[in-house]
Every structure is written in C-alpha cells, then in structure tokens.
Amino acid sequence: MPQVVVTIDDKTYRMACGDGEEAHLTKLAKEVDLKIAGLRDSFGQIGDLRLTVMAAIMATDELAEARRRIADLESGMAANAAQSGESEDSLKAERARFVDTLNEAAASLERIGSHLAEN
C-alpha cells in the first residue's frame, strides 16, 4: 500500500492510501492545511486540536452544502425528465390526432372524387 508524506500546520504526517491515490491525498492535505492556516490567521493561536476541529466542521459544512445542491439538481433533473416525458406524450397524442384528421380528410376527398367520377 503506497504511503504519502503530507504537511499540515507545519507538522508532517505519513499516510497510507490506495494505489494511484497519492496525488489526490496530497491535494486534500494541502486543502486542509490552507483551511487551518486561514483559521489560524483569523483566530490566532487557539490550540491545534481546536483548529483541527474547526477545519473539520468547515469541511463537513461544505460537504453538506454540496450534498444539498446535488439533491436539488437531481430533483430538478427528475422534474425536467418527467416534464419532458409528459411533453413527449403530448406530442405523440397531437401527432396521432393530426394523422386521424389527415386520414379523415383523405377519405372525404376520395368520397368527393368518387362522387364526381359518377356524375
């Protein structure tokens, strides 16, 4: 199992990850480091554990917001798909009515043509 060495808040950590996930893990660690640095800039020296907890809560909040937005988008897509299906059904029904009307007109023209041919 590959290992990656990352630095967060000037502390080095060796972390295991899956094959091919090294770059992703390094990127995530950099994001956590940036969050903690931002919090440290805002709040000063409030303790490593407190900064870590605050960073975790912020990340969890962002994740919750992303999940909410995904759910909203999925709901909108489902509504659009349902509406599209209804529109498609409506279009099919309209086409069927048009074909029926066209067939009725053709039958009327044939009757008129037959009547004219008899006279």
C-alpha atoms as a PDB file:
ATOM      1  CA  MET A   1       0.000   0.000   0.000  1.00  0.00           C
ATOM      2  CA  PRO A   2       1.540   3.344  -1.011  1.00  0.00           C
ATOM      3  CA  GLN A   3       2.338   5.945   1.584  1.00  0.00           C
ATOM      4  CA  VAL A   4       2.423   9.716   1.235  1.00  0.00           C
ATOM      5  CA  VAL A   5       4.082  12.243   3.498  1.00  0.00           C
ATOM      6  CA  VAL A   6       1.975  15.380   3.915  1.00  0.00           C
ATOM      7  CA  THR A   7       2.436  18.544   5.932  1.00  0.00           C
ATOM      8  CA  ILE A   8      -0.476  20.157   7.744  1.00  0.00           C
ATOM      9  CA  ASP A   9       0.032  23.132  10.036  1.00  0.00           C
ATOM     10  CA  ASP A  10       3.824  22.656   9.904  1.00  0.00           C
ATOM     11  CA  LYS A  11       3.507  19.046  11.092  1.00  0.00           C
ATOM     12  CA  THR A  12       4.481  16.094   8.945  1.00  0.00           C
ATOM     13  CA  TYR A  13       2.269  13.026   8.657  1.00  0.00           C
ATOM     14  CA  ARG A  14       2.873   9.736   6.880  1.00  0.00           C
ATOM     15  CA  MET A  15      -0.399   8.434   5.470  1.00  0.00           C
ATOM     16  CA  ALA A  16      -1.301   5.251   3.628  1.00  0.00           C
ATOM     17  CA  CYS A  17      -3.570   5.342   0.605  1.00  0.00           C
ATOM     18  CA  GLY A  18      -4.765   3.184  -2.251  1.00  0.00           C
ATOM     19  CA  ASP A  19      -2.744   2.669  -5.402  1.00  0.00           C
ATOM     20  CA  GLY A  20      -2.948   5.735  -7.627  1.00  0.00           C
ATOM     21  CA  GLU A  21      -4.458   7.940  -4.903  1.00  0.00           C
ATOM     22  CA  GLU A  22      -1.200   9.593  -3.856  1.00  0.00           C
ATOM     23  CA  ALA A  23      -1.722  12.849  -5.746  1.00  0.00           C
ATOM     24  CA  HIS A  24      -5.332  13.112  -4.584  1.00  0.00           C
ATOM     25  CA  LEU A  25      -4.372  12.604  -0.954  1.00  0.00           C
ATOM     26  CA  THR A  26      -1.608  15.200  -1.270  1.00  0.00           C
ATOM     27  CA  LYS A  27      -4.075  17.687  -2.741  1.00  0.00           C
ATOM     28  CA  LEU A  28      -6.589  17.052   0.052  1.00  0.00           C
ATOM     29  CA  ALA A  29      -3.884  17.558   2.683  1.00  0.00           C
ATOM     30  CA  LYS A  30      -2.953  20.886   1.089  1.00  0.00           C
ATOM     31  CA  GLU A  31      -6.593  21.982   1.267  1.00  0.00           C
ATOM     32  CA  VAL A  32      -6.768  21.054   4.952  1.00  0.00           C
ATOM     33  CA  ASP A  33      -3.507  22.921   5.560  1.00  0.00           C
ATOM     34  CA  LEU A  34      -4.937  26.019   3.852  1.00  0.00           C
ATOM     35  CA  LYS A  35      -8.115  25.835   5.957  1.00  0.00           C
ATOM     36  CA  ILE A  36      -6.138  25.564   9.174  1.00  0.00           C
ATOM     37  CA  ALA A  37      -3.812  28.401   8.100  1.00  0.00           C
ATOM     38  CA  GLY A  38      -6.860  30.575   7.354  1.00  0.00           C
ATOM     39  CA  LEU A  39      -8.366  29.794  10.727  1.00  0.00           C
ATOM     40  CA  ARG A  40      -5.061  30.494  12.458  1.00  0.00           C
ATOM     41  CA  ASP A  41      -4.886  33.857  10.663  1.00  0.00           C
ATOM     42  CA  SER A  42      -8.442  34.667  11.774  1.00  0.00           C
ATOM     43  CA  PHE A  43      -8.319  33.409  15.351  1.00  0.00           C
ATOM     44  CA  GLY A  44      -4.633  33.331  16.265  1.00  0.00           C
ATOM     45  CA  GLN A  45      -3.157  30.662  18.476  1.00  0.00           C
ATOM     46  CA  ILE A  46      -6.206  28.826  19.820  1.00  0.00           C
ATOM     47  CA  GLY A  47      -4.737  25.353  20.008  1.00  0.00           C
ATOM     48  CA  ASP A  48      -4.044  22.698  17.416  1.00  0.00           C
ATOM     49  CA  LEU A  49      -6.938  20.475  18.370  1.00  0.00           C
ATOM     50  CA  ARG A  50      -9.429  23.334  18.277  1.00  0.00           C
ATOM     51  CA  LEU A  51      -8.145  24.448  14.853  1.00  0.00           C
ATOM     52  CA  THR A  52      -8.408  20.899  13.556  1.00  0.00           C
ATOM     53  CA  VAL A  53     -11.959  20.538  14.863  1.00  0.00           C
ATOM     54  CA  MET A  54     -12.948  23.891  13.335  1.00  0.00           C
ATOM     55  CA  ALA A  55     -11.418  22.886   9.987  1.00  0.00           C
ATOM     56  CA  ALA A  56     -13.262  19.546  10.127  1.00  0.00           C
ATOM     57  CA  ILE A  57     -16.553  21.318  10.867  1.00  0.00           C
ATOM     58  CA  MET A  58     -15.990  23.739   7.986  1.00  0.00           C
ATOM     59  CA  ALA A  59     -15.204  20.876   5.612  1.00  0.00           C
ATOM     60  CA  THR A  60     -18.275  18.970   6.803  1.00  0.00           C
ATOM     61  CA  ASP A  61     -20.409  22.079   6.285  1.00  0.00           C
ATOM     62  CA  GLU A  62     -19.099  22.422   2.729  1.00  0.00           C
ATOM     63  CA  LEU A  63     -19.827  18.743   2.127  1.00  0.00           C
ATOM     64  CA  ALA A  64     -23.376  19.119   3.480  1.00  0.00           C
ATOM     65  CA  GLU A  65     -23.949  22.134   1.218  1.00  0.00           C
ATOM     66  CA  ALA A  66     -22.590  20.227  -1.781  1.00  0.00           C
ATOM     67  CA  ARG A  67     -24.887  17.288  -0.993  1.00  0.00           C
ATOM     68  CA  ARG A  68     -27.867  19.638  -0.694  1.00  0.00           C
ATOM     69  CA  ARG A  69     -27.031  21.237  -4.051  1.00  0.00           C
ATOM     70  CA  ILE A  70     -26.634  17.810  -5.669  1.00  0.00           C
ATOM     71  CA  ALA A  71     -30.006  16.723  -4.271  1.00  0.00           C
ATOM     72  CA  ASP A  72     -31.594  19.923  -5.615  1.00  0.00           C
ATOM     73  CA  LEU A  73     -30.033  19.350  -9.040  1.00  0.00           C
ATOM     74  CA  GLU A  74     -31.126  15.704  -9.082  1.00  0.00           C
ATOM     75  CA  SER A  75     -34.636  16.739  -8.108  1.00  0.00           C
ATOM     76  CA  GLY A  76     -34.670  19.362 -10.857  1.00  0.00           C
ATOM     77  CA  MET A  77     -33.396  16.830 -13.380  1.00  0.00           C
ATOM     78  CA  ALA A  78     -36.094  14.362 -12.350  1.00  0.00           C
ATOM     79  CA  ALA A  79     -38.758  17.065 -12.706  1.00  0.00           C
ATOM     80  CA  ASN A  80     -37.388  18.034 -16.127  1.00  0.00           C
ATOM     81  CA  ALA A  81     -37.336  14.393 -17.206  1.00  0.00           C
ATOM     82  CA  ALA A  82     -40.944  13.944 -16.051  1.00  0.00           C
ATOM     83  CA  GLN A  83     -41.980  17.135 -17.808  1.00  0.00           C
ATOM     84  CA  SER A  84     -40.111  16.051 -20.926  1.00  0.00           C
ATOM     85  CA  GLY A  85     -41.900  12.706 -20.797  1.00  0.00           C
ATOM     86  CA  GLU A  86     -45.233  14.485 -20.464  1.00  0.00           C
ATOM     87  CA  SER A  87     -44.316  16.766 -23.367  1.00  0.00           C
ATOM     88  CA  GLU A  88     -43.305  13.764 -25.441  1.00  0.00           C
ATOM     89  CA  ASP A  89     -46.592  12.008 -24.627  1.00  0.00           C
ATOM     90  CA  SER A  90     -48.481  15.179 -25.513  1.00  0.00           C
ATOM     91  CA  LEU A  91     -46.564  15.455 -28.790  1.00  0.00           C
ATOM     92  CA  LYS A  92     -47.344  11.825 -29.646  1.00  0.00           C
ATOM     93  CA  ALA A  93     -51.038  12.398 -28.916  1.00  0.00           C
ATOM     94  CA  GLU A  94     -51.025  15.541 -31.060  1.00  0.00           C
ATOM     95  CA  ARG A  95     -49.367  13.645 -33.919  1.00  0.00           C
ATOM     96  CA  ALA A  96     -51.972  10.882 -33.622  1.00  0.00           C
ATOM     97  CA  ARG A  97     -54.792  13.455 -33.793  1.00  0.00           C
ATOM     98  CA  PHE A  98     -53.137  15.045 -36.842  1.00  0.00           C
ATOM     99  CA  VAL A  99     -52.839  11.651 -38.592  1.00  0.00           C
ATOM    100  CA  ASP A 100     -56.500  10.886 -37.787  1.00  0.00           C
ATOM    101  CA  THR A 101     -57.578  14.259 -39.159  1.00  0.00           C
ATOM    102  CA  LEU A 102     -55.436  13.771 -42.266  1.00  0.00           C
ATOM    103  CA  ASN A 103     -56.925  10.302 -42.807  1.00  0.00           C
ATOM    104  CA  GLU A 104     -60.454  11.708 -42.426  1.00  0.00           C
ATOM    105  CA  ALA A 105     -59.635  14.447 -44.948  1.00  0.00           C
ATOM    106  CA  ALA A 106     -58.221  11.867 -47.369  1.00  0.00           C
ATOM    107  CA  ALA A 107     -61.342   9.718 -47.007  1.00  0.00           C
ATOM    108  CA  SER A 108     -63.557  12.772 -47.643  1.00  0.00           C
ATOM    109  CA  LEU A 109     -61.532  13.657 -50.753  1.00  0.00           C
ATOM    110  CA  GLU A 110     -61.859  10.082 -52.017  1.00  0.00           C
ATOM    111  CA  ARG A 111     -65.641  10.205 -51.496  1.00  0.00           C
ATOM    112  CA  ILE A 112     -65.829  13.545 -53.326  1.00  0.00           C
ATOM    113  CA  GLY A 113     -63.632  12.168 -56.135  1.00  0.00           C
ATOM    114  CA  SER A 114     -65.838   9.078 -56.429  1.00  0.00           C
ATOM    115  CA  HIS A 115     -68.985  11.221 -56.457  1.00  0.00           C
ATOM    116  CA  LEU A 116     -67.541  13.460 -59.186  1.00  0.00           C
ATOM    117  CA  ALA A 117     -66.478  10.450 -61.237  1.00  0.00           C
ATOM    118  CA  GLU A 118     -70.045   9.054 -61.087  1.00  0.00           C
ATOM    119  CA  ASN A 119     -71.579  12.304 -62.340  1.00  0.00           C
END
